[in-house]
N, C-alpha and C. Protein backbone atom coordinates (compact mmCIF):
# COMPACT_ATOMS: atom_id res chain seq x y z
N MET A 1 1.16 -13.35 -57.14
CA MET A 1 0.72 -13.90 -58.41
C MET A 1 1.85 -13.81 -59.41
N ALA A 2 2.33 -14.94 -59.89
CA ALA A 2 3.40 -14.95 -60.88
C ALA A 2 2.83 -14.63 -62.26
N GLU A 3 3.64 -14.01 -63.10
CA GLU A 3 3.22 -13.70 -64.46
C GLU A 3 4.30 -14.20 -65.40
N GLN A 4 4.01 -15.31 -66.06
CA GLN A 4 5.01 -15.94 -66.89
C GLN A 4 5.27 -15.13 -68.17
N TRP A 5 6.52 -15.22 -68.61
CA TRP A 5 6.94 -14.75 -69.92
C TRP A 5 6.80 -13.25 -70.11
N MET A 6 6.97 -12.47 -69.03
CA MET A 6 7.22 -11.07 -69.30
C MET A 6 8.68 -10.79 -69.00
N CYS A 7 8.96 -9.81 -68.19
CA CYS A 7 10.38 -9.47 -68.01
C CYS A 7 11.07 -10.53 -67.16
N ASN A 8 11.73 -11.47 -67.83
CA ASN A 8 12.50 -12.49 -67.13
C ASN A 8 13.99 -12.37 -67.47
N ASP A 9 14.38 -11.20 -67.97
CA ASP A 9 15.76 -10.98 -68.40
C ASP A 9 16.03 -9.48 -68.41
N TYR A 10 17.10 -9.05 -67.75
CA TYR A 10 17.47 -7.64 -67.80
C TYR A 10 18.98 -7.51 -67.84
N GLU A 11 19.44 -6.30 -68.14
CA GLU A 11 20.87 -6.01 -68.36
C GLU A 11 21.38 -5.14 -67.22
N GLN A 12 22.59 -5.45 -66.74
CA GLN A 12 23.18 -4.66 -65.67
C GLN A 12 24.55 -4.16 -66.12
N HIS A 13 24.54 -3.03 -66.82
CA HIS A 13 25.77 -2.38 -67.24
C HIS A 13 25.91 -1.00 -66.60
N VAL A 14 25.26 -0.81 -65.45
CA VAL A 14 25.39 0.45 -64.73
C VAL A 14 26.81 0.57 -64.20
N LYS A 15 27.48 1.65 -64.55
CA LYS A 15 28.85 1.85 -64.08
C LYS A 15 28.83 2.39 -62.65
N TRP A 16 29.84 2.03 -61.89
CA TRP A 16 29.91 2.43 -60.50
C TRP A 16 29.91 3.96 -60.36
N ARG A 17 30.64 4.65 -61.21
CA ARG A 17 30.68 6.11 -61.13
C ARG A 17 29.31 6.70 -61.45
N GLU A 18 28.61 6.16 -62.43
CA GLU A 18 27.25 6.61 -62.73
C GLU A 18 26.33 6.42 -61.53
N TYR A 19 26.47 5.27 -60.90
CA TYR A 19 25.65 4.98 -59.72
C TYR A 19 25.96 5.95 -58.60
N GLN A 20 27.24 6.16 -58.31
CA GLN A 20 27.63 7.09 -57.26
C GLN A 20 27.12 8.50 -57.54
N ASP A 21 27.29 8.96 -58.77
CA ASP A 21 26.86 10.31 -59.13
C ASP A 21 25.34 10.46 -58.97
N MET A 22 24.60 9.45 -59.39
CA MET A 22 23.14 9.51 -59.26
C MET A 22 22.72 9.53 -57.80
N MET A 23 23.32 8.69 -57.00
CA MET A 23 22.95 8.63 -55.58
C MET A 23 23.30 9.92 -54.87
N GLN A 24 24.42 10.54 -55.25
CA GLN A 24 24.80 11.82 -54.67
C GLN A 24 23.83 12.91 -55.09
N ALA A 25 23.44 12.91 -56.36
CA ALA A 25 22.50 13.91 -56.85
C ALA A 25 21.14 13.80 -56.16
N LEU A 26 20.78 12.58 -55.77
CA LEU A 26 19.51 12.35 -55.09
C LEU A 26 19.63 12.48 -53.57
N ALA A 27 20.82 12.85 -53.08
CA ALA A 27 21.10 12.98 -51.65
C ALA A 27 20.87 11.66 -50.92
N LEU A 28 21.18 10.56 -51.60
CA LEU A 28 21.03 9.24 -50.98
C LEU A 28 22.38 8.67 -50.54
N GLY A 29 23.44 9.02 -51.24
CA GLY A 29 24.76 8.57 -50.84
C GLY A 29 24.97 7.08 -51.06
N THR A 30 26.18 6.63 -50.81
CA THR A 30 26.52 5.21 -50.89
C THR A 30 27.37 4.85 -49.68
N PRO A 31 27.19 3.66 -49.11
CA PRO A 31 28.02 3.26 -47.96
C PRO A 31 29.51 3.30 -48.31
N THR A 32 30.33 3.75 -47.39
CA THR A 32 31.75 3.91 -47.68
C THR A 32 32.46 2.58 -47.92
N ASP A 33 31.87 1.48 -47.46
CA ASP A 33 32.52 0.18 -47.63
C ASP A 33 32.10 -0.52 -48.92
N GLN A 34 31.29 0.17 -49.75
CA GLN A 34 30.88 -0.45 -50.99
C GLN A 34 31.68 0.12 -52.16
N SER A 35 31.79 -0.70 -53.23
CA SER A 35 32.59 -0.31 -54.39
C SER A 35 31.99 -0.96 -55.63
N GLU A 36 32.71 -0.85 -56.74
CA GLU A 36 32.23 -1.44 -57.99
C GLU A 36 32.02 -2.95 -57.89
N ARG A 37 32.65 -3.59 -56.91
CA ARG A 37 32.44 -5.03 -56.72
C ARG A 37 31.00 -5.33 -56.33
N ASP A 38 30.31 -4.35 -55.75
CA ASP A 38 28.92 -4.55 -55.33
C ASP A 38 27.93 -4.28 -56.45
N LEU A 39 28.43 -3.90 -57.63
CA LEU A 39 27.58 -3.62 -58.78
C LEU A 39 28.14 -4.36 -60.00
N PRO A 40 28.19 -5.69 -59.94
CA PRO A 40 28.80 -6.47 -61.02
C PRO A 40 28.03 -6.33 -62.33
N GLN A 41 28.78 -6.34 -63.43
CA GLN A 41 28.22 -6.18 -64.76
C GLN A 41 27.70 -7.51 -65.30
N ALA A 42 26.63 -7.44 -66.09
CA ALA A 42 26.09 -8.64 -66.71
C ALA A 42 25.28 -8.26 -67.94
N ASP A 43 25.51 -8.97 -69.05
CA ASP A 43 24.72 -8.73 -70.26
C ASP A 43 23.27 -9.16 -70.04
N ASP A 44 23.08 -10.24 -69.31
CA ASP A 44 21.75 -10.77 -69.05
C ASP A 44 21.70 -11.31 -67.62
N ILE A 45 20.71 -10.87 -66.87
CA ILE A 45 20.41 -11.46 -65.57
C ILE A 45 19.03 -12.10 -65.71
N ARG A 46 18.99 -13.41 -65.61
CA ARG A 46 17.76 -14.16 -65.82
C ARG A 46 17.29 -14.77 -64.50
N ILE A 47 16.14 -15.39 -64.55
CA ILE A 47 15.55 -16.02 -63.37
C ILE A 47 16.56 -16.97 -62.73
N ASN A 48 16.69 -16.85 -61.41
CA ASN A 48 17.60 -17.64 -60.56
C ASN A 48 19.05 -17.15 -60.60
N ASP A 49 19.36 -16.17 -61.46
CA ASP A 49 20.68 -15.55 -61.42
C ASP A 49 20.77 -14.59 -60.22
N ILE A 50 22.00 -14.27 -59.84
CA ILE A 50 22.23 -13.31 -58.77
C ILE A 50 22.46 -11.92 -59.37
N GLY A 51 21.77 -10.93 -58.81
CA GLY A 51 21.94 -9.56 -59.26
C GLY A 51 21.97 -8.61 -58.08
N PRO A 52 22.54 -7.40 -58.23
CA PRO A 52 22.57 -6.43 -57.15
C PRO A 52 21.21 -5.77 -56.96
N VAL A 53 20.84 -5.58 -55.70
CA VAL A 53 19.56 -4.98 -55.34
C VAL A 53 19.82 -3.82 -54.39
N MET A 54 19.08 -2.72 -54.56
CA MET A 54 19.18 -1.56 -53.68
C MET A 54 18.13 -1.69 -52.58
N ARG A 55 18.56 -1.68 -51.32
CA ARG A 55 17.63 -1.83 -50.21
C ARG A 55 17.97 -0.83 -49.11
N ALA A 56 17.01 -0.60 -48.23
CA ALA A 56 17.22 0.32 -47.11
C ALA A 56 18.28 -0.22 -46.17
N ALA A 57 19.13 0.69 -45.69
CA ALA A 57 20.16 0.33 -44.72
C ALA A 57 20.36 1.54 -43.81
N GLY A 58 19.78 1.49 -42.63
CA GLY A 58 19.84 2.65 -41.75
C GLY A 58 19.12 3.82 -42.38
N ASN A 59 19.81 4.93 -42.51
CA ASN A 59 19.22 6.11 -43.14
C ASN A 59 19.55 6.21 -44.63
N GLY A 60 20.19 5.19 -45.17
CA GLY A 60 20.59 5.24 -46.57
C GLY A 60 20.13 4.02 -47.33
N ILE A 61 20.81 3.79 -48.46
CA ILE A 61 20.51 2.66 -49.33
C ILE A 61 21.82 1.94 -49.65
N GLU A 62 21.79 0.61 -49.56
CA GLU A 62 22.97 -0.18 -49.88
C GLU A 62 22.65 -1.18 -50.98
N LEU A 63 23.69 -1.67 -51.62
CA LEU A 63 23.57 -2.72 -52.62
C LEU A 63 23.79 -4.07 -51.96
N ALA A 64 22.96 -5.05 -52.33
CA ALA A 64 23.09 -6.39 -51.78
C ALA A 64 22.84 -7.41 -52.89
N PRO A 65 23.61 -8.48 -52.95
CA PRO A 65 23.38 -9.50 -53.97
C PRO A 65 22.19 -10.38 -53.59
N MET A 66 21.29 -10.61 -54.54
CA MET A 66 20.13 -11.45 -54.30
C MET A 66 19.80 -12.25 -55.55
N ARG A 67 19.04 -13.31 -55.36
CA ARG A 67 18.64 -14.15 -56.48
C ARG A 67 17.35 -13.61 -57.10
N PHE A 68 17.29 -13.62 -58.42
CA PHE A 68 16.13 -13.14 -59.17
C PHE A 68 15.03 -14.21 -59.13
N GLY A 69 14.00 -13.95 -58.35
CA GLY A 69 12.86 -14.85 -58.26
C GLY A 69 12.70 -15.44 -56.87
N PHE A 70 11.50 -15.26 -56.29
CA PHE A 70 11.19 -15.92 -55.03
C PHE A 70 11.05 -17.42 -55.26
N PRO A 71 11.32 -18.23 -54.25
CA PRO A 71 11.15 -19.68 -54.40
C PRO A 71 9.70 -20.02 -54.72
N PRO A 72 9.46 -21.15 -55.41
CA PRO A 72 8.08 -21.57 -55.70
C PRO A 72 7.26 -21.70 -54.42
N SER A 73 5.97 -21.34 -54.53
CA SER A 73 5.09 -21.44 -53.36
C SER A 73 4.57 -22.85 -53.15
N GLY A 74 4.72 -23.71 -54.14
CA GLY A 74 4.27 -25.10 -54.03
C GLY A 74 5.19 -26.01 -54.81
N PRO A 75 5.00 -27.33 -54.67
CA PRO A 75 5.91 -28.29 -55.32
C PRO A 75 5.87 -28.23 -56.84
N LYS A 76 4.77 -27.74 -57.43
CA LYS A 76 4.65 -27.71 -58.88
C LYS A 76 4.82 -26.30 -59.46
N GLY A 77 5.06 -25.33 -58.59
CA GLY A 77 5.18 -23.96 -59.06
C GLY A 77 6.59 -23.62 -59.48
N GLY A 78 6.70 -22.49 -60.19
CA GLY A 78 8.00 -21.99 -60.59
C GLY A 78 8.37 -20.77 -59.78
N PRO A 79 9.58 -20.25 -59.95
CA PRO A 79 9.99 -19.05 -59.22
C PRO A 79 9.06 -17.87 -59.52
N VAL A 80 8.80 -17.06 -58.50
CA VAL A 80 7.95 -15.87 -58.68
C VAL A 80 8.88 -14.70 -59.00
N PHE A 81 8.98 -14.38 -60.28
CA PHE A 81 9.90 -13.32 -60.70
C PHE A 81 9.18 -12.02 -61.05
N ASN A 82 7.88 -12.09 -61.30
CA ASN A 82 7.04 -10.92 -61.52
C ASN A 82 5.86 -10.98 -60.57
N PHE A 83 5.46 -9.82 -60.02
CA PHE A 83 4.40 -9.78 -59.01
C PHE A 83 3.47 -8.62 -59.33
N ARG A 84 2.19 -8.92 -59.52
CA ARG A 84 1.20 -7.90 -59.90
C ARG A 84 1.04 -6.88 -58.77
N SER A 85 1.05 -5.60 -59.13
CA SER A 85 1.02 -4.54 -58.11
C SER A 85 -0.37 -3.95 -57.87
N GLU A 86 -1.25 -4.01 -58.85
CA GLU A 86 -2.52 -3.31 -58.73
C GLU A 86 -3.36 -3.82 -57.56
N GLY A 87 -3.92 -2.86 -56.83
CA GLY A 87 -4.82 -3.19 -55.74
C GLY A 87 -4.15 -3.78 -54.51
N ARG A 88 -2.85 -3.70 -54.43
CA ARG A 88 -2.13 -4.28 -53.28
C ARG A 88 -1.45 -3.18 -52.48
N ARG A 89 -1.24 -3.48 -51.22
CA ARG A 89 -0.48 -2.59 -50.34
C ARG A 89 0.85 -3.25 -49.99
N PHE A 90 1.88 -2.43 -49.91
CA PHE A 90 3.21 -2.96 -49.67
C PHE A 90 3.90 -2.33 -48.48
N ASP A 91 3.11 -1.71 -47.58
CA ASP A 91 3.71 -1.06 -46.42
C ASP A 91 4.33 -2.08 -45.46
N LYS A 92 3.88 -3.33 -45.50
CA LYS A 92 4.45 -4.36 -44.62
C LYS A 92 5.49 -5.21 -45.35
N SER A 93 5.76 -4.88 -46.59
CA SER A 93 6.70 -5.66 -47.40
C SER A 93 8.10 -5.07 -47.33
N HIS A 94 9.08 -5.89 -47.68
CA HIS A 94 10.45 -5.40 -47.83
C HIS A 94 10.61 -4.89 -49.25
N ARG A 95 10.62 -3.58 -49.40
CA ARG A 95 10.67 -2.96 -50.72
C ARG A 95 12.13 -2.76 -51.14
N CYS A 96 12.36 -2.87 -52.44
CA CYS A 96 13.72 -2.68 -52.94
C CYS A 96 13.66 -2.11 -54.35
N LEU A 97 14.83 -1.79 -54.87
CA LEU A 97 14.99 -1.31 -56.24
C LEU A 97 16.01 -2.20 -56.94
N ILE A 98 15.76 -2.48 -58.21
CA ILE A 98 16.69 -3.29 -58.99
C ILE A 98 17.34 -2.37 -60.02
N PRO A 99 18.63 -2.03 -59.85
CA PRO A 99 19.29 -1.18 -60.85
C PRO A 99 19.50 -1.94 -62.15
N ALA A 100 19.24 -1.27 -63.26
CA ALA A 100 19.37 -1.93 -64.56
C ALA A 100 19.69 -0.88 -65.62
N SER A 101 20.50 -1.27 -66.57
CA SER A 101 20.75 -0.41 -67.72
C SER A 101 19.67 -0.61 -68.78
N ALA A 102 19.00 -1.77 -68.75
CA ALA A 102 17.93 -2.06 -69.71
C ALA A 102 17.18 -3.29 -69.24
N PHE A 103 15.96 -3.45 -69.76
CA PHE A 103 15.24 -4.72 -69.60
C PHE A 103 14.79 -5.20 -70.96
N PHE A 104 14.50 -6.49 -71.05
CA PHE A 104 14.17 -7.10 -72.33
C PHE A 104 12.76 -7.67 -72.33
N GLU A 105 12.12 -7.58 -73.48
CA GLU A 105 10.87 -8.28 -73.73
C GLU A 105 11.04 -9.08 -75.01
N PHE A 106 10.25 -10.14 -75.13
CA PHE A 106 10.38 -11.06 -76.24
C PHE A 106 9.05 -11.21 -76.95
N THR A 107 9.08 -11.29 -78.27
CA THR A 107 7.85 -11.46 -79.05
C THR A 107 8.04 -12.58 -80.06
N GLY A 108 6.92 -13.15 -80.49
CA GLY A 108 6.95 -14.24 -81.47
C GLY A 108 6.55 -15.55 -80.84
N SER A 109 6.17 -16.49 -81.67
CA SER A 109 5.73 -17.80 -81.19
C SER A 109 6.76 -18.90 -81.44
N LYS A 110 7.78 -18.60 -82.23
CA LYS A 110 8.82 -19.58 -82.52
C LYS A 110 10.13 -19.15 -81.88
N TYR A 111 10.99 -20.12 -81.62
CA TYR A 111 12.30 -19.84 -81.02
C TYR A 111 13.38 -19.86 -82.10
N PRO A 112 14.35 -18.94 -82.00
CA PRO A 112 14.44 -17.91 -80.95
C PRO A 112 13.44 -16.78 -81.18
N LYS A 113 12.88 -16.27 -80.08
CA LYS A 113 11.95 -15.16 -80.19
C LYS A 113 12.72 -13.85 -80.43
N ALA A 114 12.02 -12.87 -80.98
CA ALA A 114 12.63 -11.54 -81.14
C ALA A 114 12.87 -10.93 -79.76
N LYS A 115 14.01 -10.29 -79.60
CA LYS A 115 14.42 -9.73 -78.30
C LYS A 115 14.48 -8.21 -78.42
N HIS A 116 13.75 -7.52 -77.55
CA HIS A 116 13.64 -6.07 -77.60
C HIS A 116 14.22 -5.47 -76.32
N ARG A 117 15.09 -4.46 -76.49
CA ARG A 117 15.80 -3.85 -75.37
C ARG A 117 15.20 -2.48 -75.05
N PHE A 118 14.77 -2.29 -73.80
CA PHE A 118 14.16 -1.04 -73.35
C PHE A 118 15.10 -0.31 -72.41
N THR A 119 15.28 1.01 -72.65
CA THR A 119 16.10 1.85 -71.79
C THR A 119 15.31 3.11 -71.42
N LEU A 120 15.71 3.75 -70.33
CA LEU A 120 15.08 4.99 -69.89
C LEU A 120 15.68 6.15 -70.69
N THR A 121 14.84 6.99 -71.25
CA THR A 121 15.34 8.02 -72.17
C THR A 121 16.03 9.19 -71.48
N ASP A 122 15.63 9.53 -70.26
CA ASP A 122 16.14 10.76 -69.64
C ASP A 122 17.01 10.51 -68.41
N ALA A 123 17.57 9.32 -68.29
CA ALA A 123 18.46 9.01 -67.17
C ALA A 123 19.47 7.96 -67.63
N PRO A 124 20.68 7.93 -67.04
CA PRO A 124 21.70 6.99 -67.50
C PRO A 124 21.35 5.53 -67.21
N PHE A 125 20.49 5.29 -66.23
CA PHE A 125 20.03 3.93 -65.94
C PHE A 125 18.71 4.01 -65.21
N MET A 126 18.09 2.87 -65.01
CA MET A 126 16.78 2.82 -64.38
C MET A 126 16.83 2.00 -63.10
N ALA A 127 15.77 2.13 -62.33
CA ALA A 127 15.57 1.26 -61.17
C ALA A 127 14.15 0.70 -61.27
N ILE A 128 14.05 -0.59 -61.11
CA ILE A 128 12.77 -1.30 -61.20
C ILE A 128 12.25 -1.53 -59.79
N ALA A 129 10.98 -1.23 -59.56
CA ALA A 129 10.38 -1.44 -58.24
C ALA A 129 10.28 -2.93 -57.95
N GLY A 130 10.72 -3.32 -56.76
CA GLY A 130 10.70 -4.73 -56.43
C GLY A 130 10.41 -4.98 -54.96
N LEU A 131 10.26 -6.25 -54.65
CA LEU A 131 10.14 -6.75 -53.28
C LEU A 131 11.29 -7.72 -53.05
N CYS A 132 11.77 -7.78 -51.82
CA CYS A 132 12.87 -8.69 -51.53
C CYS A 132 12.61 -9.46 -50.24
N ARG A 133 13.26 -10.58 -50.13
CA ARG A 133 13.21 -11.42 -48.94
C ARG A 133 14.63 -11.72 -48.51
N GLU A 134 14.87 -11.62 -47.22
CA GLU A 134 16.19 -11.94 -46.70
C GLU A 134 16.40 -13.45 -46.68
N ARG A 135 17.61 -13.86 -46.49
CA ARG A 135 17.94 -15.28 -46.44
C ARG A 135 17.10 -15.98 -45.39
N ASP A 136 16.57 -17.13 -45.74
CA ASP A 136 15.69 -17.90 -44.83
C ASP A 136 16.12 -19.35 -44.85
N GLY A 137 16.85 -19.76 -43.83
CA GLY A 137 17.33 -21.13 -43.78
C GLY A 137 18.28 -21.42 -44.93
N THR A 138 17.91 -22.38 -45.75
CA THR A 138 18.76 -22.73 -46.89
C THR A 138 18.45 -21.88 -48.12
N GLU A 139 17.39 -21.08 -48.05
CA GLU A 139 17.01 -20.24 -49.20
C GLU A 139 17.81 -18.94 -49.17
N PRO A 140 18.45 -18.56 -50.28
CA PRO A 140 19.20 -17.30 -50.33
C PRO A 140 18.26 -16.11 -50.38
N ALA A 141 18.80 -14.92 -50.10
CA ALA A 141 18.02 -13.69 -50.28
C ALA A 141 17.59 -13.60 -51.74
N ALA A 142 16.36 -13.11 -51.95
CA ALA A 142 15.80 -13.12 -53.30
C ALA A 142 14.95 -11.87 -53.53
N PHE A 143 14.69 -11.58 -54.81
CA PHE A 143 13.85 -10.44 -55.16
C PHE A 143 12.92 -10.80 -56.31
N THR A 144 11.83 -10.03 -56.41
CA THR A 144 10.91 -10.14 -57.53
C THR A 144 10.58 -8.74 -58.01
N MET A 145 10.17 -8.61 -59.28
CA MET A 145 9.85 -7.31 -59.87
C MET A 145 8.35 -7.09 -59.86
N LEU A 146 7.93 -5.87 -59.54
CA LEU A 146 6.52 -5.53 -59.57
C LEU A 146 6.09 -5.17 -60.99
N THR A 147 4.84 -5.48 -61.31
CA THR A 147 4.33 -5.22 -62.65
C THR A 147 3.06 -4.37 -62.59
N THR A 148 2.74 -3.79 -63.74
CA THR A 148 1.56 -2.96 -63.86
C THR A 148 1.05 -3.07 -65.31
N ALA A 149 -0.01 -2.34 -65.62
CA ALA A 149 -0.50 -2.29 -67.00
C ALA A 149 0.58 -1.68 -67.89
N PRO A 150 0.62 -2.04 -69.15
CA PRO A 150 1.68 -1.53 -70.01
C PRO A 150 1.46 -0.07 -70.39
N GLY A 151 2.54 0.70 -70.40
CA GLY A 151 2.49 2.05 -70.92
C GLY A 151 2.54 2.01 -72.44
N PRO A 152 2.40 3.15 -73.09
CA PRO A 152 2.37 3.17 -74.56
C PRO A 152 3.65 2.69 -75.22
N ASP A 153 4.79 2.77 -74.52
CA ASP A 153 6.04 2.30 -75.12
C ASP A 153 6.16 0.78 -75.11
N VAL A 154 5.51 0.14 -74.14
CA VAL A 154 5.63 -1.32 -73.98
C VAL A 154 4.43 -2.05 -74.58
N ALA A 155 3.29 -1.40 -74.65
CA ALA A 155 2.05 -2.06 -75.10
C ALA A 155 2.17 -2.79 -76.44
N PRO A 156 2.93 -2.27 -77.42
CA PRO A 156 3.05 -3.02 -78.67
C PRO A 156 3.78 -4.36 -78.53
N TYR A 157 4.45 -4.57 -77.39
CA TYR A 157 5.27 -5.76 -77.22
C TYR A 157 4.73 -6.73 -76.17
N HIS A 158 3.95 -6.21 -75.20
CA HIS A 158 3.44 -7.07 -74.13
C HIS A 158 2.24 -6.42 -73.48
N ASN A 159 1.35 -7.27 -72.90
CA ASN A 159 0.15 -6.74 -72.24
C ASN A 159 0.35 -6.44 -70.77
N ARG A 160 1.58 -6.56 -70.29
CA ARG A 160 1.97 -6.15 -68.94
C ARG A 160 3.36 -5.55 -69.03
N GLN A 161 3.78 -4.84 -67.96
CA GLN A 161 5.16 -4.36 -67.92
C GLN A 161 5.63 -4.25 -66.49
N ILE A 162 6.95 -4.30 -66.31
CA ILE A 162 7.51 -4.07 -64.99
C ILE A 162 7.40 -2.58 -64.66
N VAL A 163 7.44 -2.27 -63.37
CA VAL A 163 7.33 -0.88 -62.92
C VAL A 163 8.72 -0.25 -62.91
N VAL A 164 8.94 0.70 -63.82
CA VAL A 164 10.19 1.44 -63.89
C VAL A 164 9.97 2.78 -63.18
N LEU A 165 10.79 3.06 -62.18
CA LEU A 165 10.66 4.28 -61.41
C LEU A 165 11.68 5.32 -61.86
N ARG A 166 11.23 6.56 -61.97
CA ARG A 166 12.16 7.66 -62.24
C ARG A 166 13.04 7.88 -61.01
N PRO A 167 14.25 8.40 -61.18
CA PRO A 167 15.15 8.59 -60.04
C PRO A 167 14.53 9.35 -58.87
N GLU A 168 13.72 10.37 -59.15
CA GLU A 168 13.13 11.15 -58.06
C GLU A 168 12.15 10.36 -57.21
N ASP A 169 11.76 9.18 -57.69
CA ASP A 169 10.82 8.34 -56.94
C ASP A 169 11.49 7.16 -56.24
N TRP A 170 12.80 7.05 -56.35
CA TRP A 170 13.47 5.89 -55.76
C TRP A 170 13.32 5.85 -54.24
N SER A 171 13.69 6.92 -53.58
CA SER A 171 13.58 6.92 -52.11
C SER A 171 12.12 6.90 -51.67
N THR A 172 11.23 7.46 -52.50
CA THR A 172 9.81 7.45 -52.17
C THR A 172 9.28 6.03 -52.11
N TRP A 173 9.75 5.17 -53.02
CA TRP A 173 9.34 3.76 -52.98
C TRP A 173 9.96 3.04 -51.79
N ILE A 174 11.22 3.27 -51.53
CA ILE A 174 11.87 2.62 -50.38
C ILE A 174 11.17 3.01 -49.08
N ASP A 175 10.84 4.29 -48.93
CA ASP A 175 10.18 4.79 -47.72
C ASP A 175 8.66 4.64 -47.78
N LEU A 176 8.13 4.42 -48.96
CA LEU A 176 6.69 4.41 -49.24
C LEU A 176 6.03 5.65 -48.64
N SER A 177 6.58 6.80 -49.01
CA SER A 177 6.07 8.07 -48.52
C SER A 177 4.96 8.65 -49.38
N ARG A 178 4.56 7.93 -50.43
CA ARG A 178 3.38 8.27 -51.22
C ARG A 178 2.61 6.99 -51.48
N PRO A 179 1.33 7.07 -51.78
CA PRO A 179 0.54 5.86 -52.01
C PRO A 179 1.07 5.02 -53.17
N GLU A 180 0.90 3.72 -53.06
CA GLU A 180 1.35 2.81 -54.09
C GLU A 180 0.78 3.18 -55.47
N SER A 181 -0.47 3.59 -55.50
CA SER A 181 -1.13 3.88 -56.78
C SER A 181 -0.48 5.05 -57.52
N GLU A 182 0.23 5.92 -56.79
CA GLU A 182 0.91 7.04 -57.43
C GLU A 182 2.30 6.66 -57.96
N LEU A 183 2.82 5.55 -57.49
CA LEU A 183 4.18 5.15 -57.85
C LEU A 183 4.21 3.99 -58.84
N LEU A 184 3.36 3.00 -58.59
CA LEU A 184 3.42 1.74 -59.34
C LEU A 184 2.51 1.81 -60.56
N ARG A 185 2.94 2.58 -61.53
CA ARG A 185 2.15 2.79 -62.73
C ARG A 185 3.09 2.97 -63.91
N PRO A 186 2.58 2.80 -65.13
CA PRO A 186 3.45 2.92 -66.30
C PRO A 186 3.91 4.36 -66.53
N LEU A 187 5.03 4.49 -67.19
CA LEU A 187 5.55 5.80 -67.56
C LEU A 187 4.84 6.30 -68.82
N PRO A 188 4.84 7.61 -69.05
CA PRO A 188 4.17 8.16 -70.23
C PRO A 188 4.91 7.83 -71.52
N ALA A 189 4.25 8.06 -72.62
CA ALA A 189 4.83 7.80 -73.94
C ALA A 189 6.16 8.54 -74.11
N GLY A 190 7.13 7.85 -74.65
CA GLY A 190 8.43 8.45 -74.90
C GLY A 190 9.41 8.33 -73.76
N ALA A 191 8.96 7.82 -72.60
CA ALA A 191 9.86 7.69 -71.46
C ALA A 191 10.85 6.55 -71.65
N LEU A 192 10.47 5.56 -72.43
CA LEU A 192 11.33 4.42 -72.70
C LEU A 192 11.68 4.37 -74.18
N SER A 193 12.93 4.07 -74.47
CA SER A 193 13.36 3.83 -75.84
C SER A 193 13.48 2.33 -76.05
N VAL A 194 13.19 1.87 -77.26
CA VAL A 194 13.26 0.43 -77.52
C VAL A 194 14.00 0.18 -78.83
N GLU A 195 14.81 -0.86 -78.83
CA GLU A 195 15.47 -1.31 -80.04
C GLU A 195 15.40 -2.84 -80.08
N THR A 196 15.23 -3.38 -81.26
CA THR A 196 15.21 -4.83 -81.42
C THR A 196 16.66 -5.30 -81.59
N VAL A 197 17.12 -6.09 -80.64
CA VAL A 197 18.53 -6.52 -80.64
C VAL A 197 18.71 -7.94 -81.19
N ARG A 198 17.59 -8.64 -81.40
CA ARG A 198 17.65 -9.95 -82.04
C ARG A 198 16.36 -10.20 -82.80
N ALA A 199 16.49 -10.51 -84.06
CA ALA A 199 15.29 -10.83 -84.85
C ALA A 199 14.81 -12.23 -84.49
N GLY A 200 13.51 -12.41 -84.53
CA GLY A 200 12.95 -13.71 -84.20
C GLY A 200 12.94 -14.65 -85.37
N ALA A 201 12.66 -15.92 -85.07
CA ALA A 201 12.55 -16.93 -86.11
C ALA A 201 11.32 -16.66 -86.97
N THR A 202 11.40 -17.00 -88.24
CA THR A 202 10.26 -16.80 -89.14
C THR A 202 9.77 -18.12 -89.68
């Protein structure tokens, strides 16, 4: 189920050293053949853009470039960039994490809309719970973000939110070693910081 006009834009300013340090602290490691080239920087990654995705690789996790948004399911549909998580099971799905320094939400009815930047308060960067699909014929590998009810930090801006996972839950989502209902839920108040980076039209 696609959900239009929520998180369709995020920021990727995670530094390679930050990523390496975090993965080492979590005992996840990084493949020896990967480098900062596998974690390209971007002020905005929007629908149909290519972004780095963290996926299972043997006993570890690797970065892979994928397109933001699954292909439309029908001739009149749009890319599926958000996917509702409640009441679903994902043990048969290809689970992934989307590293991000921030995600954006937009408010207002006129363009340009106000742009709000959300960051994780107690970690240098975040990982968003996602699903991915490998390359299929002419279609490139792609990912979508899972969504849930909004937590108190996001509720003033939107009636849904993407699932932001704390670092200690990253491998748990990849392995799905705990039930989905324990992982795919909003963070408590104060877990996310928000700043308005663009005022909307009046």
